[in-house]
Amino acid sequence: QAPGKERDGVSCMSSDGSTYYTDSVK
């Protein structure tokens, strides 16, 4: 959560190891 901004997902990993990255950090 950046100043004055909404909370955003950055990166995630499922229990089986699948991953997600938001475009801005990929």
PDB file of all heavy atoms in Angstrom:
ATOM      1  N   GLN A   1       0.851  -1.172   0.000  1.00  0.00           N
ATOM      2  CA  GLN A   1       0.000   0.000   0.000  1.00  0.00           C
ATOM      3  C   GLN A   1       0.896   1.234   0.000  1.00  0.00           C
ATOM      4  O   GLN A   1       1.601   1.499   0.973  1.00  0.00           O
ATOM      5  CB  GLN A   1      -0.936   0.018   1.206  1.00  0.00           C
ATOM      6  CG  GLN A   1      -1.949   1.143   1.163  1.00  0.00           C
ATOM      7  CD  GLN A   1      -3.054   0.963   2.180  1.00  0.00           C
ATOM      8  OE1 GLN A   1      -2.889   0.263   3.173  1.00  0.00           O
ATOM      9  NE2 GLN A   1      -4.191   1.592   1.932  1.00  0.00           N
ATOM     10  N   ALA A   2       0.862   1.955  -1.109  1.00  0.00           N
ATOM     11  CA  ALA A   2       1.626   3.186  -1.248  1.00  0.00           C
ATOM     12  C   ALA A   2       0.845   4.339  -0.639  1.00  0.00           C
ATOM     13  O   ALA A   2      -0.380   4.262  -0.473  1.00  0.00           O
ATOM     14  CB  ALA A   2       1.924   3.458  -2.717  1.00  0.00           C
ATOM     15  N   PRO A   3       1.532   5.433  -0.306  1.00  0.00           N
ATOM     16  CA  PRO A   3       0.829   6.579   0.277  1.00  0.00           C
ATOM     17  C   PRO A   3      -0.306   7.053  -0.613  1.00  0.00           C
ATOM     18  O   PRO A   3      -0.120   7.296  -1.807  1.00  0.00           O
ATOM     19  CB  PRO A   3       1.927   7.637   0.384  1.00  0.00           C
ATOM     20  CG  PRO A   3       3.194   6.854   0.502  1.00  0.00           C
ATOM     21  CD  PRO A   3       2.988   5.653  -0.379  1.00  0.00           C
ATOM     22  N   GLY A   4      -1.485   7.168  -0.039  1.00  0.00           N
ATOM     23  CA  GLY A   4      -2.644   7.643  -0.763  1.00  0.00           C
ATOM     24  C   GLY A   4      -3.220   6.675  -1.778  1.00  0.00           C
ATOM     25  O   GLY A   4      -4.088   7.073  -2.565  1.00  0.00           O
ATOM     26  N   LYS A   5      -2.768   5.433  -1.769  1.00  0.00           N
ATOM     27  CA  LYS A   5      -3.214   4.451  -2.753  1.00  0.00           C
ATOM     28  C   LYS A   5      -3.907   3.268  -2.085  1.00  0.00           C
ATOM     29  O   LYS A   5      -3.810   3.064  -0.882  1.00  0.00           O
ATOM     30  CB  LYS A   5      -2.023   3.944  -3.579  1.00  0.00           C
ATOM     31  CG  LYS A   5      -1.263   5.017  -4.329  1.00  0.00           C
ATOM     32  CD  LYS A   5      -2.098   5.614  -5.433  1.00  0.00           C
ATOM     33  CE  LYS A   5      -1.279   6.589  -6.259  1.00  0.00           C
ATOM     34  NZ  LYS A   5      -2.084   7.172  -7.359  1.00  0.00           N
ATOM     35  N   GLU A   6      -4.595   2.487  -2.900  1.00  0.00           N
ATOM     36  CA  GLU A   6      -5.222   1.262  -2.430  1.00  0.00           C
ATOM     37  C   GLU A   6      -4.167   0.176  -2.256  1.00  0.00           C
ATOM     38  O   GLU A   6      -3.091   0.226  -2.855  1.00  0.00           O
ATOM     39  CB  GLU A   6      -6.283   0.786  -3.422  1.00  0.00           C
ATOM     40  CG  GLU A   6      -7.403   1.766  -3.683  1.00  0.00           C
ATOM     41  CD  GLU A   6      -8.467   1.738  -2.614  1.00  0.00           C
ATOM     42  OE1 GLU A   6      -8.347   0.944  -1.665  1.00  0.00           O
ATOM     43  OE2 GLU A   6      -9.427   2.510  -2.715  1.00  0.00           O
ATOM     44  N   ARG A   7      -4.488  -0.820  -1.442  1.00  0.00           N
ATOM     45  CA  ARG A   7      -3.614  -1.972  -1.289  1.00  0.00           C
ATOM     46  C   ARG A   7      -3.662  -2.836  -2.535  1.00  0.00           C
ATOM     47  O   ARG A   7      -4.745  -3.169  -3.030  1.00  0.00           O
ATOM     48  CB  ARG A   7      -4.029  -2.789  -0.064  1.00  0.00           C
ATOM     49  CG  ARG A   7      -3.078  -3.938   0.254  1.00  0.00           C
ATOM     50  CD  ARG A   7      -3.637  -4.823   1.342  1.00  0.00           C
ATOM     51  NE  ARG A   7      -4.822  -5.542   0.890  1.00  0.00           N
ATOM     52  CZ  ARG A   7      -5.582  -6.294   1.668  1.00  0.00           C
ATOM     53  NH1 ARG A   7      -5.294  -6.411   2.957  1.00  0.00           N
ATOM     54  NH2 ARG A   7      -6.637  -6.919   1.166  1.00  0.00           N
ATOM     55  N   ASP A   8      -2.516  -3.203  -3.055  1.00  0.00           N
ATOM     56  CA  ASP A   8      -2.423  -3.985  -4.277  1.00  0.00           C
ATOM     57  C   ASP A   8      -1.634  -5.267  -4.044  1.00  0.00           C
ATOM     58  O   ASP A   8      -0.690  -5.291  -3.261  1.00  0.00           O
ATOM     59  CB  ASP A   8      -1.731  -3.196  -5.384  1.00  0.00           C
ATOM     60  CG  ASP A   8      -2.515  -1.992  -5.837  1.00  0.00           C
ATOM     61  OD1 ASP A   8      -3.747  -2.096  -5.957  1.00  0.00           O
ATOM     62  OD2 ASP A   8      -1.890  -0.943  -6.085  1.00  0.00           O
ATOM     63  N   GLY A   9      -2.012  -6.310  -4.761  1.00  0.00           N
ATOM     64  CA  GLY A   9      -1.237  -7.536  -4.744  1.00  0.00           C
ATOM     65  C   GLY A   9       0.046  -7.358  -5.527  1.00  0.00           C
ATOM     66  O   GLY A   9       0.044  -6.794  -6.621  1.00  0.00           O
ATOM     67  N   VAL A  10       1.138  -7.841  -4.985  1.00  0.00           N
ATOM     68  CA  VAL A  10       2.449  -7.743  -5.619  1.00  0.00           C
ATOM     69  C   VAL A  10       2.882  -9.078  -6.197  1.00  0.00           C
ATOM     70  O   VAL A  10       3.230  -9.182  -7.382  1.00  0.00           O
ATOM     71  CB  VAL A  10       3.504  -7.237  -4.625  1.00  0.00           C
ATOM     72  CG1 VAL A  10       4.883  -7.196  -5.274  1.00  0.00           C
ATOM     73  CG2 VAL A  10       3.118  -5.864  -4.087  1.00  0.00           C
ATOM     74  N   SER A  11       2.878 -10.100  -5.376  1.00  0.00           N
ATOM     75  CA  SER A  11       3.307 -11.423  -5.793  1.00  0.00           C
ATOM     76  C   SER A  11       2.683 -12.465  -4.882  1.00  0.00           C
ATOM     77  O   SER A  11       2.531 -12.229  -3.686  1.00  0.00           O
ATOM     78  CB  SER A  11       4.833 -11.527  -5.751  1.00  0.00           C
ATOM     79  OG  SER A  11       5.271 -12.798  -6.182  1.00  0.00           O
ATOM     80  N   CYS A  12       2.352 -13.611  -5.457  1.00  0.00           N
ATOM     81  CA  CYS A  12       1.727 -14.687  -4.696  1.00  0.00           C
ATOM     82  C   CYS A  12       2.290 -16.031  -5.121  1.00  0.00           C
ATOM     83  O   CYS A  12       2.787 -16.192  -6.235  1.00  0.00           O
ATOM     84  CB  CYS A  12       0.210 -14.713  -4.902  1.00  0.00           C
ATOM     85  SG  CYS A  12      -0.648 -13.181  -4.496  1.00  0.00           S
ATOM     86  N   MET A  13       2.171 -16.993  -4.240  1.00  0.00           N
ATOM     87  CA  MET A  13       2.531 -18.368  -4.542  1.00  0.00           C
ATOM     88  C   MET A  13       1.493 -19.288  -3.919  1.00  0.00           C
ATOM     89  O   MET A  13       1.203 -19.192  -2.731  1.00  0.00           O
ATOM     90  CB  MET A  13       3.924 -18.706  -4.013  1.00  0.00           C
ATOM     91  CG  MET A  13       4.337 -20.151  -4.289  1.00  0.00           C
ATOM     92  SD  MET A  13       5.972 -20.565  -3.630  1.00  0.00           S
ATOM     93  CE  MET A  13       7.018 -19.661  -4.784  1.00  0.00           C
ATOM     94  N   SER A  14       0.940 -20.195  -4.721  1.00  0.00           N
ATOM     95  CA  SER A  14      -0.019 -21.160  -4.225  1.00  0.00           C
ATOM     96  C   SER A  14       0.704 -22.265  -3.457  1.00  0.00           C
ATOM     97  O   SER A  14       1.932 -22.364  -3.461  1.00  0.00           O
ATOM     98  CB  SER A  14      -0.815 -21.759  -5.378  1.00  0.00           C
ATOM     99  OG  SER A  14       0.016 -22.575  -6.191  1.00  0.00           O
ATOM    100  N   SER A  15      -0.085 -23.112  -2.806  1.00  0.00           N
ATOM    101  CA  SER A  15       0.508 -24.204  -2.037  1.00  0.00           C
ATOM    102  C   SER A  15       1.253 -25.195  -2.923  1.00  0.00           C
ATOM    103  O   SER A  15       2.138 -25.902  -2.435  1.00  0.00           O
ATOM    104  CB  SER A  15      -0.569 -24.929  -1.226  1.00  0.00           C
ATOM    105  OG  SER A  15      -1.563 -25.479  -2.066  1.00  0.00           O
ATOM    106  N   ASP A  16       0.916 -25.254  -4.222  1.00  0.00           N
ATOM    107  CA  ASP A  16       1.612 -26.154  -5.137  1.00  0.00           C
ATOM    108  C   ASP A  16       2.753 -25.472  -5.891  1.00  0.00           C
ATOM    109  O   ASP A  16       3.370 -26.083  -6.765  1.00  0.00           O
ATOM    110  CB  ASP A  16       0.643 -26.807  -6.120  1.00  0.00           C
ATOM    111  CG  ASP A  16       0.035 -25.836  -7.118  1.00  0.00           C
ATOM    112  OD1 ASP A  16       0.375 -24.637  -7.089  1.00  0.00           O
ATOM    113  OD2 ASP A  16      -0.791 -26.281  -7.940  1.00  0.00           O
ATOM    114  N   GLY A  17       3.031 -24.202  -5.583  1.00  0.00           N
ATOM    115  CA  GLY A  17       4.171 -23.519  -6.157  1.00  0.00           C
ATOM    116  C   GLY A  17       3.899 -22.615  -7.335  1.00  0.00           C
ATOM    117  O   GLY A  17       4.838 -21.985  -7.850  1.00  0.00           O
ATOM    118  N   SER A  18       2.661 -22.524  -7.795  1.00  0.00           N
ATOM    119  CA  SER A  18       2.340 -21.587  -8.866  1.00  0.00           C
ATOM    120  C   SER A  18       2.532 -20.165  -8.379  1.00  0.00           C
ATOM    121  O   SER A  18       2.257 -19.857  -7.218  1.00  0.00           O
ATOM    122  CB  SER A  18       0.905 -21.782  -9.342  1.00  0.00           C
ATOM    123  OG  SER A  18       0.715 -23.081  -9.864  1.00  0.00           O
ATOM    124  N   THR A  19       2.985 -19.280  -9.259  1.00  0.00           N
ATOM    125  CA  THR A  19       3.294 -17.914  -8.852  1.00  0.00           C
ATOM    126  C   THR A  19       2.540 -16.890  -9.679  1.00  0.00           C
ATOM    127  O   THR A  19       2.114 -17.145 -10.805  1.00  0.00           O
ATOM    128  CB  THR A  19       4.795 -17.614  -8.949  1.00  0.00           C
ATOM    129  OG1 THR A  19       5.239 -17.842 -10.296  1.00  0.00           O
ATOM    130  CG2 THR A  19       5.579 -18.494  -7.997  1.00  0.00           C
ATOM    131  N   TYR A  20       2.394 -15.728  -9.092  1.00  0.00           N
ATOM    132  CA  TYR A  20       1.790 -14.571  -9.730  1.00  0.00           C
ATOM    133  C   TYR A  20       2.643 -13.356  -9.402  1.00  0.00           C
ATOM    134  O   TYR A  20       3.132 -13.210  -8.277  1.00  0.00           O
ATOM    135  CB  TYR A  20       0.363 -14.347  -9.216  1.00  0.00           C
ATOM    136  CG  TYR A  20      -0.120 -12.922  -9.381  1.00  0.00           C
ATOM    137  CD1 TYR A  20      -0.651 -12.483 -10.588  1.00  0.00           C
ATOM    138  CD2 TYR A  20      -0.020 -12.010  -8.337  1.00  0.00           C
ATOM    139  CE1 TYR A  20      -1.080 -11.178 -10.750  1.00  0.00           C
ATOM    140  CE2 TYR A  20      -0.439 -10.700  -8.486  1.00  0.00           C
ATOM    141  CZ  TYR A  20      -0.971 -10.293  -9.700  1.00  0.00           C
ATOM    142  OH  TYR A  20      -1.388  -8.991  -9.848  1.00  0.00           O
ATOM    143  N   TYR A  21       2.814 -12.482 -10.405  1.00  0.00           N
ATOM    144  CA  TYR A  21       3.457 -11.198 -10.201  1.00  0.00           C
ATOM    145  C   TYR A  21       2.644 -10.127 -10.905  1.00  0.00           C
ATOM    146  O   TYR A  21       2.250 -10.306 -12.063  1.00  0.00           O
ATOM    147  CB  TYR A  21       4.880 -11.172 -10.757  1.00  0.00           C
ATOM    148  CG  TYR A  21       5.817 -12.141 -10.086  1.00  0.00           C
ATOM    149  CD1 TYR A  21       6.015 -13.423 -10.597  1.00  0.00           C
ATOM    150  CD2 TYR A  21       6.508 -11.785  -8.935  1.00  0.00           C
ATOM    151  CE1 TYR A  21       6.865 -14.316  -9.982  1.00  0.00           C
ATOM    152  CE2 TYR A  21       7.360 -12.665  -8.313  1.00  0.00           C
ATOM    153  CZ  TYR A  21       7.540 -13.933  -8.841  1.00  0.00           C
ATOM    154  OH  TYR A  21       8.393 -14.821  -8.222  1.00  0.00           O
ATOM    155  N   THR A  22       2.419  -9.032 -10.231  1.00  0.00           N
ATOM    156  CA  THR A  22       1.779  -7.916 -10.898  1.00  0.00           C
ATOM    157  C   THR A  22       2.728  -7.373 -11.965  1.00  0.00           C
ATOM    158  O   THR A  22       3.955  -7.466 -11.834  1.00  0.00           O
ATOM    159  CB  THR A  22       1.376  -6.829  -9.883  1.00  0.00           C
ATOM    160  OG1 THR A  22       0.537  -5.864 -10.514  1.00  0.00           O
ATOM    161  CG2 THR A  22       2.594  -6.132  -9.305  1.00  0.00           C
ATOM    162  N   ASP A  23       2.168  -6.837 -13.040  1.00  0.00           N
ATOM    163  CA  ASP A  23       2.975  -6.453 -14.192  1.00  0.00           C
ATOM    164  C   ASP A  23       4.101  -5.480 -13.837  1.00  0.00           C
ATOM    165  O   ASP A  23       5.189  -5.542 -14.416  1.00  0.00           O
ATOM    166  CB  ASP A  23       2.096  -5.831 -15.281  1.00  0.00           C
ATOM    167  CG  ASP A  23       1.255  -6.852 -16.014  1.00  0.00           C
ATOM    168  OD1 ASP A  23       1.537  -8.057 -15.897  1.00  0.00           O
ATOM    169  OD2 ASP A  23       0.313  -6.434 -16.717  1.00  0.00           O
ATOM    170  N   SER A  24       3.855  -4.594 -12.905  1.00  0.00           N
ATOM    171  CA  SER A  24       4.830  -3.564 -12.595  1.00  0.00           C
ATOM    172  C   SER A  24       6.091  -4.098 -11.918  1.00  0.00           C
ATOM    173  O   SER A  24       7.110  -3.401 -11.881  1.00  0.00           O
ATOM    174  CB  SER A  24       4.202  -2.476 -11.719  1.00  0.00           C
ATOM    175  OG  SER A  24       3.780  -3.000 -10.478  1.00  0.00           O
ATOM    176  N   VAL A  25       6.045  -5.318 -11.383  1.00  0.00           N
ATOM    177  CA  VAL A  25       7.214  -5.876 -10.704  1.00  0.00           C
ATOM    178  C   VAL A  25       7.774  -7.099 -11.405  1.00  0.00           C
ATOM    179  O   VAL A  25       8.842  -7.598 -11.010  1.00  0.00           O
ATOM    180  CB  VAL A  25       6.918  -6.227  -9.227  1.00  0.00           C
ATOM    181  CG1 VAL A  25       6.266  -5.053  -8.518  1.00  0.00           C
ATOM    182  CG2 VAL A  25       6.051  -7.477  -9.118  1.00  0.00           C
ATOM    183  N   LYS A  26       7.106  -7.574 -12.431  1.00  0.00           N
ATOM    184  CA  LYS A  26       7.541  -8.787 -13.111  1.00  0.00           C
ATOM    185  C   LYS A  26       8.941  -8.602 -13.687  1.00  0.00           C
ATOM    186  O   LYS A  26       9.230  -7.608 -14.347  1.00  0.00           O
ATOM    187  CB  LYS A  26       6.555  -9.161 -14.215  1.00  0.00           C
ATOM    188  CG  LYS A  26       6.748 -10.565 -14.752  1.00  0.00           C
ATOM    189  CD  LYS A  26       5.602 -10.979 -15.663  1.00  0.00           C
ATOM    190  CE  LYS A  26       5.741 -12.427 -16.099  1.00  0.00           C
ATOM    191  NZ  LYS A  26       4.600 -12.846 -16.948  1.00  0.00           N
TER     192      LYS A  26
END
